[in-house]
Amino acid sequence: MKIKILAGDFIKGEYDVFFGSASRFGSGEIQLEGNIDSLEIVTEENKKKIAGTLGAGVVGGLLFGPLGVLGGWLVGGKKKEVTFICILKDGKKFLGITKNKNYQKLLALSF
């Protein structure tokens, strides 16, 4: 899973989270599992990805004609992103953004 750090006590950028640690090439690791003091959602947004929307429109058009194109555009390419604040037990904190399903995984790491 990936998280993007927007601000805080760590270098900004995209981090890969594996086995309870977030790492970014050249900037070390952030231990998350067992080290999260609190997580708080700041915003939740629905985003549309252009490529997914266009692809769903094309497939809908091929299968169902003009109405399929419209339906594909309405349904395709949706994703939900969560902006959150993470405070670690050592007092360090960061503002991050990730997909909703990844936020759920971060919640699990906090227990």
PDB file of N, CA and C in Angstrom:
ATOM      1  N   MET A   1       0.850  -1.172   0.000  1.00  0.00           N
ATOM      2  CA  MET A   1       0.000   0.000   0.000  1.00  0.00           C
ATOM      3  C   MET A   1       0.894   1.234   0.000  1.00  0.00           C
ATOM      4  N   LYS A   2       0.341   2.326  -0.436  1.00  0.00           N
ATOM      5  CA  LYS A   2       1.095   3.586  -0.515  1.00  0.00           C
ATOM      6  C   LYS A   2       0.376   4.668   0.285  1.00  0.00           C
ATOM      7  N   ILE A   3       1.185   5.529   0.896  1.00  0.00           N
ATOM      8  CA  ILE A   3       0.674   6.752   1.498  1.00  0.00           C
ATOM      9  C   ILE A   3       1.541   7.895   1.001  1.00  0.00           C
ATOM     10  N   LYS A   4       0.944   9.071   0.917  1.00  0.00           N
ATOM     11  CA  LYS A   4       1.700  10.246   0.511  1.00  0.00           C
ATOM     12  C   LYS A   4       1.736  11.199   1.696  1.00  0.00           C
ATOM     13  N   ILE A   5       2.933  11.521   2.160  1.00  0.00           N
ATOM     14  CA  ILE A   5       3.088  12.462   3.266  1.00  0.00           C
ATOM     15  C   ILE A   5       3.136  13.868   2.681  1.00  0.00           C
ATOM     16  N   LEU A   6       2.217  14.710   3.163  1.00  0.00           N
ATOM     17  CA  LEU A   6       2.095  16.078   2.666  1.00  0.00           C
ATOM     18  C   LEU A   6       2.834  17.081   3.542  1.00  0.00           C
ATOM     19  N   ALA A   7       2.917  16.799   4.850  1.00  0.00           N
ATOM     20  CA  ALA A   7       3.560  17.724   5.791  1.00  0.00           C
ATOM     21  C   ALA A   7       3.844  16.969   7.084  1.00  0.00           C
ATOM     22  N   GLY A   8       4.693  17.565   7.916  1.00  0.00           N
ATOM     23  CA  GLY A   8       4.967  16.977   9.229  1.00  0.00           C
ATOM     24  C   GLY A   8       6.443  16.793   9.494  1.00  0.00           C
ATOM     25  N   ASP A   9       6.729  15.829  10.366  1.00  0.00           N
ATOM     26  CA  ASP A   9       8.089  15.594  10.835  1.00  0.00           C
ATOM     27  C   ASP A   9       8.912  14.675   9.934  1.00  0.00           C
ATOM     28  N   PHE A  10       8.369  14.308   8.794  1.00  0.00           N
ATOM     29  CA  PHE A  10       9.061  13.407   7.874  1.00  0.00           C
ATOM     30  C   PHE A  10       9.157  14.068   6.501  1.00  0.00           C
ATOM     31  N   ILE A  11      10.071  13.562   5.671  1.00  0.00           N
ATOM     32  CA  ILE A  11      10.256  14.105   4.324  1.00  0.00           C
ATOM     33  C   ILE A  11       8.986  13.872   3.510  1.00  0.00           C
ATOM     34  N   LYS A  12       8.527  14.910   2.815  1.00  0.00           N
ATOM     35  CA  LYS A  12       7.334  14.814   1.985  1.00  0.00           C
ATOM     36  C   LYS A  12       7.567  13.852   0.830  1.00  0.00           C
ATOM     37  N   GLY A  13       6.501  13.161   0.428  1.00  0.00           N
ATOM     38  CA  GLY A  13       6.578  12.286  -0.734  1.00  0.00           C
ATOM     39  C   GLY A  13       5.810  11.005  -0.533  1.00  0.00           C
ATOM     40  N   GLU A  14       5.920  10.106  -1.518  1.00  0.00           N
ATOM     41  CA  GLU A  14       5.218   8.828  -1.491  1.00  0.00           C
ATOM     42  C   GLU A  14       6.032   7.790  -0.730  1.00  0.00           C
ATOM     43  N   TYR A  15       5.349   7.063   0.141  1.00  0.00           N
ATOM     44  CA  TYR A  15       5.957   6.012   0.946  1.00  0.00           C
ATOM     45  C   TYR A  15       5.249   4.695   0.663  1.00  0.00           C
ATOM     46  N   ASP A  16       6.004   3.627   0.596  1.00  0.00           N
ATOM     47  CA  ASP A  16       5.450   2.284   0.488  1.00  0.00           C
ATOM     48  C   ASP A  16       5.374   1.704   1.895  1.00  0.00           C
ATOM     49  N   VAL A  17       4.263   1.075   2.223  1.00  0.00           N
ATOM     50  CA  VAL A  17       4.087   0.479   3.548  1.00  0.00           C
ATOM     51  C   VAL A  17       4.089  -1.038   3.394  1.00  0.00           C
ATOM     52  N   PHE A  18       5.067  -1.680   4.015  1.00  0.00           N
ATOM     53  CA  PHE A  18       5.188  -3.133   4.031  1.00  0.00           C
ATOM     54  C   PHE A  18       5.489  -3.585   5.441  1.00  0.00           C
ATOM     55  N   PHE A  19       4.819  -4.616   5.883  1.00  0.00           N
ATOM     56  CA  PHE A  19       5.083  -5.235   7.173  1.00  0.00           C
ATOM     57  C   PHE A  19       5.134  -4.226   8.312  1.00  0.00           C
ATOM     58  N   GLY A  20       4.239  -3.242   8.278  1.00  0.00           N
ATOM     59  CA  GLY A  20       4.116  -2.297   9.373  1.00  0.00           C
ATOM     60  C   GLY A  20       5.082  -1.132   9.365  1.00  0.00           C
ATOM     61  N   SER A  21       5.893  -0.995   8.319  1.00  0.00           N
ATOM     62  CA  SER A  21       6.827   0.128   8.212  1.00  0.00           C
ATOM     63  C   SER A  21       6.601   0.871   6.904  1.00  0.00           C
ATOM     64  N   ALA A  22       6.697   2.190   6.963  1.00  0.00           N
ATOM     65  CA  ALA A  22       6.612   3.019   5.755  1.00  0.00           C
ATOM     66  C   ALA A  22       8.024   3.402   5.364  1.00  0.00           C
ATOM     67  N   SER A  23       8.354   3.227   4.094  1.00  0.00           N
ATOM     68  CA  SER A  23       9.709   3.575   3.658  1.00  0.00           C
ATOM     69  C   SER A  23       9.654   4.337   2.347  1.00  0.00           C
ATOM     70  N   ARG A  24      10.636   5.202   2.211  1.00  0.00           N
ATOM     71  CA  ARG A  24      10.809   6.004   0.998  1.00  0.00           C
ATOM     72  C   ARG A  24      12.274   5.910   0.639  1.00  0.00           C
ATOM     73  N   PHE A  25      12.552   5.624  -0.610  1.00  0.00           N
ATOM     74  CA  PHE A  25      13.941   5.446  -1.040  1.00  0.00           C
ATOM     75  C   PHE A  25      14.788   6.646  -0.617  1.00  0.00           C
ATOM     76  N   GLY A  26      15.840   6.387   0.109  1.00  0.00           N
ATOM     77  CA  GLY A  26      16.779   7.432   0.497  1.00  0.00           C
ATOM     78  C   GLY A  26      16.409   8.212   1.747  1.00  0.00           C
ATOM     79  N   SER A  27      15.285   7.879   2.388  1.00  0.00           N
ATOM     80  CA  SER A  27      14.923   8.664   3.579  1.00  0.00           C
ATOM     81  C   SER A  27      14.560   7.803   4.784  1.00  0.00           C
ATOM     82  N   GLY A  28      14.931   6.539   4.771  1.00  0.00           N
ATOM     83  CA  GLY A  28      14.722   5.691   5.929  1.00  0.00           C
ATOM     84  C   GLY A  28      13.317   5.154   6.053  1.00  0.00           C
ATOM     85  N   GLU A  29      13.004   4.677   7.263  1.00  0.00           N
ATOM     86  CA  GLU A  29      11.723   4.037   7.532  1.00  0.00           C
ATOM     87  C   GLU A  29      10.987   4.731   8.667  1.00  0.00           C
ATOM     88  N   ILE A  30       9.678   4.585   8.646  1.00  0.00           N
ATOM     89  CA  ILE A  30       8.832   5.046   9.742  1.00  0.00           C
ATOM     90  C   ILE A  30       8.138   3.806  10.285  1.00  0.00           C
ATOM     91  N   GLN A  31       8.403   3.445  11.517  1.00  0.00           N
ATOM     92  CA  GLN A  31       7.752   2.283  12.121  1.00  0.00           C
ATOM     93  C   GLN A  31       6.324   2.656  12.487  1.00  0.00           C
ATOM     94  N   LEU A  32       5.355   1.990  11.885  1.00  0.00           N
ATOM     95  CA  LEU A  32       3.957   2.299  12.131  1.00  0.00           C
ATOM     96  C   LEU A  32       3.296   1.275  13.052  1.00  0.00           C
ATOM     97  N   GLU A  33       3.528  -0.004  12.790  1.00  0.00           N
ATOM     98  CA  GLU A  33       2.853  -1.042  13.571  1.00  0.00           C
ATOM     99  C   GLU A  33       3.236  -0.955  15.044  1.00  0.00           C
ATOM    100  N   GLY A  34       2.223  -0.799  15.898  1.00  0.00           N
ATOM    101  CA  GLY A  34       2.451  -0.683  17.331  1.00  0.00           C
ATOM    102  C   GLY A  34       2.985   0.668  17.761  1.00  0.00           C
ATOM    103  N   ASN A  35       3.155   1.595  16.838  1.00  0.00           N
ATOM    104  CA  ASN A  35       3.739   2.901  17.146  1.00  0.00           C
ATOM    105  C   ASN A  35       2.773   4.056  16.861  1.00  0.00           C
ATOM    106  N   ILE A  36       1.557   3.755  16.423  1.00  0.00           N
ATOM    107  CA  ILE A  36       0.581   4.803  16.125  1.00  0.00           C
ATOM    108  C   ILE A  36      -0.200   5.135  17.385  1.00  0.00           C
ATOM    109  N   ASP A  37      -0.101   6.391  17.800  1.00  0.00           N
ATOM    110  CA  ASP A  37      -0.850   6.854  18.973  1.00  0.00           C
ATOM    111  C   ASP A  37      -2.275   7.229  18.572  1.00  0.00           C
ATOM    112  N   SER A  38      -2.418   7.947  17.438  1.00  0.00           N
ATOM    113  CA  SER A  38      -3.764   8.299  16.974  1.00  0.00           C
ATOM    114  C   SER A  38      -3.786   8.558  15.481  1.00  0.00           C
ATOM    115  N   LEU A  39      -4.935   8.286  14.890  1.00  0.00           N
ATOM    116  CA  LEU A  39      -5.212   8.586  13.488  1.00  0.00           C
ATOM    117  C   LEU A  39      -6.516   9.354  13.445  1.00  0.00           C
ATOM    118  N   GLU A  40      -6.538  10.429  12.671  1.00  0.00           N
ATOM    119  CA  GLU A  40      -7.751  11.235  12.572  1.00  0.00           C
ATOM    120  C   GLU A  40      -7.978  11.635  11.119  1.00  0.00           C
ATOM    121  N   ILE A  41      -9.181  11.369  10.621  1.00  0.00           N
ATOM    122  CA  ILE A  41      -9.523  11.764   9.254  1.00  0.00           C
ATOM    123  C   ILE A  41      -9.756  13.267   9.209  1.00  0.00           C
ATOM    124  N   VAL A  42      -9.123  13.916   8.239  1.00  0.00           N
ATOM    125  CA  VAL A  42      -9.320  15.344   8.021  1.00  0.00           C
ATOM    126  C   VAL A  42     -10.389  15.534   6.949  1.00  0.00           C
ATOM    127  N   THR A  43     -10.253  14.847   5.809  1.00  0.00           N
ATOM    128  CA  THR A  43     -11.250  14.903   4.735  1.00  0.00           C
ATOM    129  C   THR A  43     -11.335  13.555   4.035  1.00  0.00           C
ATOM    130  N   GLU A  44     -12.479  13.312   3.425  1.00  0.00           N
ATOM    131  CA  GLU A  44     -12.668  12.175   2.537  1.00  0.00           C
ATOM    132  C   GLU A  44     -13.175  12.728   1.222  1.00  0.00           C
ATOM    133  N   GLU A  45     -12.552  12.315   0.119  1.00  0.00           N
ATOM    134  CA  GLU A  45     -12.945  12.834  -1.188  1.00  0.00           C
ATOM    135  C   GLU A  45     -13.159  11.697  -2.167  1.00  0.00           C
ATOM    136  N   ASN A  46     -14.154  11.852  -2.991  1.00  0.00           N
ATOM    137  CA  ASN A  46     -14.340  10.960  -4.121  1.00  0.00           C
ATOM    138  C   ASN A  46     -13.646  11.600  -5.313  1.00  0.00           C
ATOM    139  N   LYS A  47     -12.800  10.841  -5.977  1.00  0.00           N
ATOM    140  CA  LYS A  47     -12.074  11.338  -7.140  1.00  0.00           C
ATOM    141  C   LYS A  47     -12.419  10.463  -8.335  1.00  0.00           C
ATOM    142  N   LYS A  48     -12.374  11.058  -9.490  1.00  0.00           N
ATOM    143  CA  LYS A  48     -12.559  10.298 -10.723  1.00  0.00           C
ATOM    144  C   LYS A  48     -11.235  10.276 -11.469  1.00  0.00           C
ATOM    145  N   LYS A  49     -10.817   9.085 -11.833  1.00  0.00           N
ATOM    146  CA  LYS A  49      -9.617   8.932 -12.638  1.00  0.00           C
ATOM    147  C   LYS A  49     -10.023   8.974 -14.103  1.00  0.00           C
ATOM    148  N   ILE A  50      -9.379   9.842 -14.870  1.00  0.00           N
ATOM    149  CA  ILE A  50      -9.733  10.039 -16.277  1.00  0.00           C
ATOM    150  C   ILE A  50      -9.602   8.745 -17.081  1.00  0.00           C
ATOM    151  N   ALA A  51      -8.493   8.044 -16.927  1.00  0.00           N
ATOM    152  CA  ALA A  51      -8.271   6.829 -17.715  1.00  0.00           C
ATOM    153  C   ALA A  51      -9.346   5.788 -17.418  1.00  0.00           C
ATOM    154  N   GLY A  52      -9.672   5.589 -16.158  1.00  0.00           N
ATOM    155  CA  GLY A  52     -10.701   4.620 -15.788  1.00  0.00           C
ATOM    156  C   GLY A  52     -12.068   5.023 -16.295  1.00  0.00           C
ATOM    157  N   THR A  53     -12.357   6.311 -16.266  1.00  0.00           N
ATOM    158  CA  THR A  53     -13.638   6.812 -16.741  1.00  0.00           C
ATOM    159  C   THR A  53     -13.770   6.608 -18.243  1.00  0.00           C
ATOM    160  N   LEU A  54     -12.710   6.958 -18.987  1.00  0.00           N
ATOM    161  CA  LEU A  54     -12.746   6.780 -20.445  1.00  0.00           C
ATOM    162  C   LEU A  54     -12.834   5.307 -20.820  1.00  0.00           C
ATOM    163  N   GLY A  55     -12.071   4.474 -20.135  1.00  0.00           N
ATOM    164  CA  GLY A  55     -12.103   3.030 -20.414  1.00  0.00           C
ATOM    165  C   GLY A  55     -13.475   2.442 -20.163  1.00  0.00           C
ATOM    166  N   ALA A  56     -14.106   2.817 -19.063  1.00  0.00           N
ATOM    167  CA  ALA A  56     -15.441   2.307 -18.764  1.00  0.00           C
ATOM    168  C   ALA A  56     -16.449   2.809 -19.793  1.00  0.00           C
ATOM    169  N   GLY A  57     -16.281   4.039 -20.261  1.00  0.00           N
ATOM    170  CA  GLY A  57     -17.166   4.581 -21.294  1.00  0.00           C
ATOM    171  C   GLY A  57     -17.046   3.820 -22.601  1.00  0.00           C
ATOM    172  N   VAL A  58     -15.822   3.497 -23.001  1.00  0.00           N
ATOM    173  CA  VAL A  58     -15.597   2.753 -24.242  1.00  0.00           C
ATOM    174  C   VAL A  58     -16.202   1.352 -24.135  1.00  0.00           C
ATOM    175  N   VAL A  59     -15.932   0.665 -23.035  1.00  0.00           N
ATOM    176  CA  VAL A  59     -16.486  -0.685 -22.850  1.00  0.00           C
ATOM    177  C   VAL A  59     -18.010  -0.635 -22.812  1.00  0.00           C
ATOM    178  N   GLY A  60     -18.556   0.334 -22.093  1.00  0.00           N
ATOM    179  CA  GLY A  60     -20.011   0.484 -22.041  1.00  0.00           C
ATOM    180  C   GLY A  60     -20.594   0.740 -23.416  1.00  0.00           C
ATOM    181  N   GLY A  61     -19.902   1.565 -24.205  1.00  0.00           N
ATOM    182  CA  GLY A  61     -20.365   1.861 -25.560  1.00  0.00           C
ATOM    183  C   GLY A  61     -20.340   0.637 -26.454  1.00  0.00           C
ATOM    184  N   LEU A  62     -19.289  -0.165 -26.329  1.00  0.00           N
ATOM    185  CA  LEU A  62     -19.196  -1.378 -27.142  1.00  0.00           C
ATOM    186  C   LEU A  62     -20.289  -2.380 -26.779  1.00  0.00           C
ATOM    187  N   LEU A  63     -20.593  -2.471 -25.506  1.00  0.00           N
ATOM    188  CA  LEU A  63     -21.575  -3.454 -25.052  1.00  0.00           C
ATOM    189  C   LEU A  63     -23.016  -2.981 -25.197  1.00  0.00           C
ATOM    190  N   PHE A  64     -23.275  -1.705 -24.905  1.00  0.00           N
ATOM    191  CA  PHE A  64     -24.653  -1.241 -24.806  1.00  0.00           C
ATOM    192  C   PHE A  64     -24.972  -0.003 -25.643  1.00  0.00           C
ATOM    193  N   GLY A  65     -24.065   0.415 -26.504  1.00  0.00           N
ATOM    194  CA  GLY A  65     -24.337   1.556 -27.372  1.00  0.00           C
ATOM    195  C   GLY A  65     -24.214   2.883 -26.647  1.00  0.00           C
ATOM    196  N   PRO A  66     -24.891   3.919 -27.129  1.00  0.00           N
ATOM    197  CA  PRO A  66     -24.762   5.272 -26.567  1.00  0.00           C
ATOM    198  C   PRO A  66     -25.110   5.369 -25.075  1.00  0.00           C
ATOM    199  N   LEU A  67     -26.127   4.635 -24.647  1.00  0.00           N
ATOM    200  CA  LEU A  67     -26.463   4.661 -23.217  1.00  0.00           C
ATOM    201  C   LEU A  67     -25.367   4.003 -22.374  1.00  0.00           C
ATOM    202  N   GLY A  68     -24.699   3.011 -22.953  1.00  0.00           N
ATOM    203  CA  GLY A  68     -23.585   2.357 -22.265  1.00  0.00           C
ATOM    204  C   GLY A  68     -22.415   3.298 -22.056  1.00  0.00           C
ATOM    205  N   VAL A  69     -22.177   4.191 -23.044  1.00  0.00           N
ATOM    206  CA  VAL A  69     -21.107   5.190 -22.905  1.00  0.00           C
ATOM    207  C   VAL A  69     -21.401   6.093 -21.712  1.00  0.00           C
ATOM    208  N   LEU A  70     -22.621   6.596 -21.642  1.00  0.00           N
ATOM    209  CA  LEU A  70     -23.011   7.474 -20.541  1.00  0.00           C
ATOM    210  C   LEU A  70     -22.896   6.756 -19.205  1.00  0.00           C
ATOM    211  N   GLY A  71     -23.405   5.539 -19.140  1.00  0.00           N
ATOM    212  CA  GLY A  71     -23.310   4.761 -17.897  1.00  0.00           C
ATOM    213  C   GLY A  71     -21.875   4.489 -17.492  1.00  0.00           C
ATOM    214  N   GLY A  72     -21.032   4.164 -18.466  1.00  0.00           N
ATOM    215  CA  GLY A  72     -19.617   3.918 -18.177  1.00  0.00           C
ATOM    216  C   GLY A  72     -18.918   5.144 -17.632  1.00  0.00           C
ATOM    217  N   TRP A  73     -19.257   6.301 -18.189  1.00  0.00           N
ATOM    218  CA  TRP A  73     -18.648   7.551 -17.714  1.00  0.00           C
ATOM    219  C   TRP A  73     -19.083   7.870 -16.293  1.00  0.00           C
ATOM    220  N   LEU A  74     -20.322   7.553 -15.972  1.00  0.00           N
ATOM    221  CA  LEU A  74     -20.819   7.847 -14.624  1.00  0.00           C
ATOM    222  C   LEU A  74     -20.236   6.906 -13.575  1.00  0.00           C
ATOM    223  N   VAL A  75     -20.024   5.652 -13.946  1.00  0.00           N
ATOM    224  CA  VAL A  75     -19.589   4.643 -12.986  1.00  0.00           C
ATOM    225  C   VAL A  75     -18.074   4.489 -12.930  1.00  0.00           C
ATOM    226  N   GLY A  76     -17.412   4.562 -14.052  1.00  0.00           N
ATOM    227  CA  GLY A  76     -15.988   4.211 -14.143  1.00  0.00           C
ATOM    228  C   GLY A  76     -15.046   5.190 -13.485  1.00  0.00           C
ATOM    229  N   GLY A  77     -13.903   4.648 -13.019  1.00  0.00           N
ATOM    230  CA  GLY A  77     -12.802   5.461 -12.553  1.00  0.00           C
ATOM    231  C   GLY A  77     -12.951   6.117 -11.195  1.00  0.00           C
ATOM    232  N   LYS A  78     -13.890   5.668 -10.375  1.00  0.00           N
ATOM    233  CA  LYS A  78     -14.064   6.295  -9.064  1.00  0.00           C
ATOM    234  C   LYS A  78     -13.084   5.720  -8.051  1.00  0.00           C
ATOM    235  N   LYS A  79     -12.586   6.585  -7.184  1.00  0.00           N
ATOM    236  CA  LYS A  79     -11.790   6.128  -6.045  1.00  0.00           C
ATOM    237  C   LYS A  79     -12.013   7.104  -4.904  1.00  0.00           C
ATOM    238  N   LYS A  80     -11.848   6.620  -3.697  1.00  0.00           N
ATOM    239  CA  LYS A  80     -12.043   7.456  -2.526  1.00  0.00           C
ATOM    240  C   LYS A  80     -10.694   7.647  -1.846  1.00  0.00           C
ATOM    241  N   GLU A  81     -10.345   8.902  -1.589  1.00  0.00           N
ATOM    242  CA  GLU A  81      -9.093   9.213  -0.899  1.00  0.00           C
ATOM    243  C   GLU A  81      -9.390   9.828   0.462  1.00  0.00           C
ATOM    244  N   VAL A  82      -8.533   9.506   1.415  1.00  0.00           N
ATOM    245  CA  VAL A  82      -8.675  10.007   2.776  1.00  0.00           C
ATOM    246  C   VAL A  82      -7.432  10.816   3.121  1.00  0.00           C
ATOM    247  N   THR A  83      -7.631  12.040   3.586  1.00  0.00           N
ATOM    248  CA  THR A  83      -6.541  12.842   4.137  1.00  0.00           C
ATOM    249  C   THR A  83      -6.622  12.681   5.645  1.00  0.00           C
ATOM    250  N   PHE A  84      -5.483  12.390   6.277  1.00  0.00           N
ATOM    251  CA  PHE A  84      -5.496  12.055   7.694  1.00  0.00           C
ATOM    252  C   PHE A  84      -4.278  12.629   8.415  1.00  0.00           C
ATOM    253  N   ILE A  85      -4.417  12.713   9.730  1.00  0.00           N
ATOM    254  CA  ILE A  85      -3.299  13.097  10.602  1.00  0.00           C
ATOM    255  C   ILE A  85      -2.914  11.854  11.392  1.00  0.00           C
ATOM    256  N   CYS A  86      -1.639  11.534  11.388  1.00  0.00           N
ATOM    257  CA  CYS A  86      -1.116  10.400  12.152  1.00  0.00           C
ATOM    258  C   CYS A  86      -0.145  10.932  13.196  1.00  0.00           C
ATOM    259  N   ILE A  87      -0.396  10.616  14.451  1.00  0.00           N
ATOM    260  CA  ILE A  87       0.509  10.980  15.544  1.00  0.00           C
ATOM    261  C   ILE A  87       1.104   9.687  16.091  1.00  0.00           C
ATOM    262  N   LEU A  88       2.431   9.628  16.112  1.00  0.00           N
ATOM    263  CA  LEU A  88       3.135   8.448  16.603  1.00  0.00           C
ATOM    264  C   LEU A  88       3.377   8.565  18.096  1.00  0.00           C
ATOM    265  N   LYS A  89       3.666   7.443  18.725  1.00  0.00           N
ATOM    266  CA  LYS A  89       3.860   7.412  20.184  1.00  0.00           C
ATOM    267  C   LYS A  89       5.071   8.227  20.639  1.00  0.00           C
ATOM    268  N   ASP A  90       6.045   8.465  19.734  1.00  0.00           N
ATOM    269  CA  ASP A  90       7.209   9.271  20.110  1.00  0.00           C
ATOM    270  C   ASP A  90       6.953  10.775  19.920  1.00  0.00           C
ATOM    271  N   GLY A  91       5.703  11.138  19.547  1.00  0.00           N
ATOM    272  CA  GLY A  91       5.335  12.547  19.389  1.00  0.00           C
ATOM    273  C   GLY A  91       5.473  13.080  17.975  1.00  0.00           C
ATOM    274  N   LYS A  92       6.136  12.343  17.102  1.00  0.00           N
ATOM    275  CA  LYS A  92       6.245  12.791  15.711  1.00  0.00           C
ATOM    276  C   LYS A  92       4.892  12.624  15.032  1.00  0.00           C
ATOM    277  N   LYS A  93       4.644  13.474  14.026  1.00  0.00           N
ATOM    278  CA  LYS A  93       3.354  13.423  13.349  1.00  0.00           C
ATOM    279  C   LYS A  93       3.512  13.771  11.883  1.00  0.00           C
ATOM    280  N   PHE A  94       2.475  13.403  11.107  1.00  0.00           N
ATOM    281  CA  PHE A  94       2.453  13.784   9.706  1.00  0.00           C
ATOM    282  C   PHE A  94       1.023  13.854   9.197  1.00  0.00           C
ATOM    283  N   LEU A  95       0.859  14.650   8.147  1.00  0.00           N
ATOM    284  CA  LEU A  95      -0.390  14.755   7.411  1.00  0.00           C
ATOM    285  C   LEU A  95      -0.212  13.920   6.161  1.00  0.00           C
ATOM    286  N   GLY A  96      -1.106  12.968   5.953  1.00  0.00           N
ATOM    287  CA  GLY A  96      -0.970  12.071   4.816  1.00  0.00           C
ATOM    288  C   GLY A  96      -2.248  11.927   4.036  1.00  0.00           C
ATOM    289  N   ILE A  97      -2.112  11.327   2.867  1.00  0.00           N
ATOM    290  CA  ILE A  97      -3.265  11.032   2.020  1.00  0.00           C
ATOM    291  C   ILE A  97      -3.073   9.631   1.459  1.00  0.00           C
ATOM    292  N   THR A  98      -4.172   8.868   1.395  1.00  0.00           N
ATOM    293  CA  THR A  98      -4.123   7.511   0.866  1.00  0.00           C
ATOM    294  C   THR A  98      -5.517   7.099   0.420  1.00  0.00           C
ATOM    295  N   LYS A  99      -5.615   5.963  -0.217  1.00  0.00           N
ATOM    296  CA  LYS A  99      -6.916   5.423  -0.595  1.00  0.00           C
ATOM    297  C   LYS A  99      -7.645   4.983   0.670  1.00  0.00           C
ATOM    298  N   ASN A 100      -8.966   4.984   0.602  1.00  0.00           N
ATOM    299  CA  ASN A 100      -9.787   4.621   1.750  1.00  0.00           C
ATOM    300  C   ASN A 100      -9.436   3.231   2.288  1.00  0.00           C
ATOM    301  N   LYS A 101      -9.246   2.257   1.395  1.00  0.00           N
ATOM    302  CA  LYS A 101      -8.935   0.893   1.854  1.00  0.00           C
ATOM    303  C   LYS A 101      -7.577   0.844   2.555  1.00  0.00           C
ATOM    304  N   ASN A 102      -6.628   1.686   2.135  1.00  0.00           N
ATOM    305  CA  ASN A 102      -5.328   1.729   2.806  1.00  0.00           C
ATOM    306  C   ASN A 102      -5.443   2.371   4.184  1.00  0.00           C
ATOM    307  N   TYR A 103      -6.327   3.360   4.329  1.00  0.00           N
ATOM    308  CA  TYR A 103      -6.549   3.970   5.637  1.00  0.00           C
ATOM    309  C   TYR A 103      -7.069   2.926   6.621  1.00  0.00           C
ATOM    310  N   GLN A 104      -7.932   2.049   6.149  1.00  0.00           N
ATOM    311  CA  GLN A 104      -8.448   0.977   7.007  1.00  0.00           C
ATOM    312  C   GLN A 104      -7.311   0.076   7.489  1.00  0.00           C
ATOM    313  N   LYS A 105      -6.351  -0.190   6.603  1.00  0.00           N
ATOM    314  CA  LYS A 105      -5.183  -0.998   6.970  1.00  0.00           C
ATOM    315  C   LYS A 105      -4.321  -0.262   8.011  1.00  0.00           C
ATOM    316  N   LEU A 106      -4.187   1.058   7.869  1.00  0.00           N
ATOM    317  CA  LEU A 106      -3.443   1.836   8.870  1.00  0.00           C
ATOM    318  C   LEU A 106      -4.125   1.763  10.222  1.00  0.00           C
ATOM    319  N   LEU A 107      -5.453   1.829  10.221  1.00  0.00           N
ATOM    320  CA  LEU A 107      -6.195   1.678  11.476  1.00  0.00           C
ATOM    321  C   LEU A 107      -5.869   0.358  12.137  1.00  0.00           C
ATOM    322  N   ALA A 108      -5.802  -0.710  11.351  1.00  0.00           N
ATOM    323  CA  ALA A 108      -5.474  -2.031  11.900  1.00  0.00           C
ATOM    324  C   ALA A 108      -4.072  -2.049  12.504  1.00  0.00           C
ATOM    325  N   LEU A 109      -3.126  -1.313  11.904  1.00  0.00           N
ATOM    326  CA  LEU A 109      -1.766  -1.267  12.440  1.00  0.00           C
ATOM    327  C   LEU A 109      -1.697  -0.524  13.767  1.00  0.00           C
ATOM    328  N   SER A 110      -2.721   0.292  14.047  1.00  0.00           N
ATOM    329  CA  SER A 110      -2.684   1.083  15.282  1.00  0.00           C
ATOM    330  C   SER A 110      -3.059   0.266  16.519  1.00  0.00           C
ATOM    331  N   PHE A 111      -3.515  -0.979  16.316  1.00  0.00           N
ATOM    332  CA  PHE A 111      -3.896  -1.824  17.468  1.00  0.00           C
ATOM    333  C   PHE A 111      -2.796  -2.776  17.842  1.00  0.00           C
TER     334      PHE A 111
END
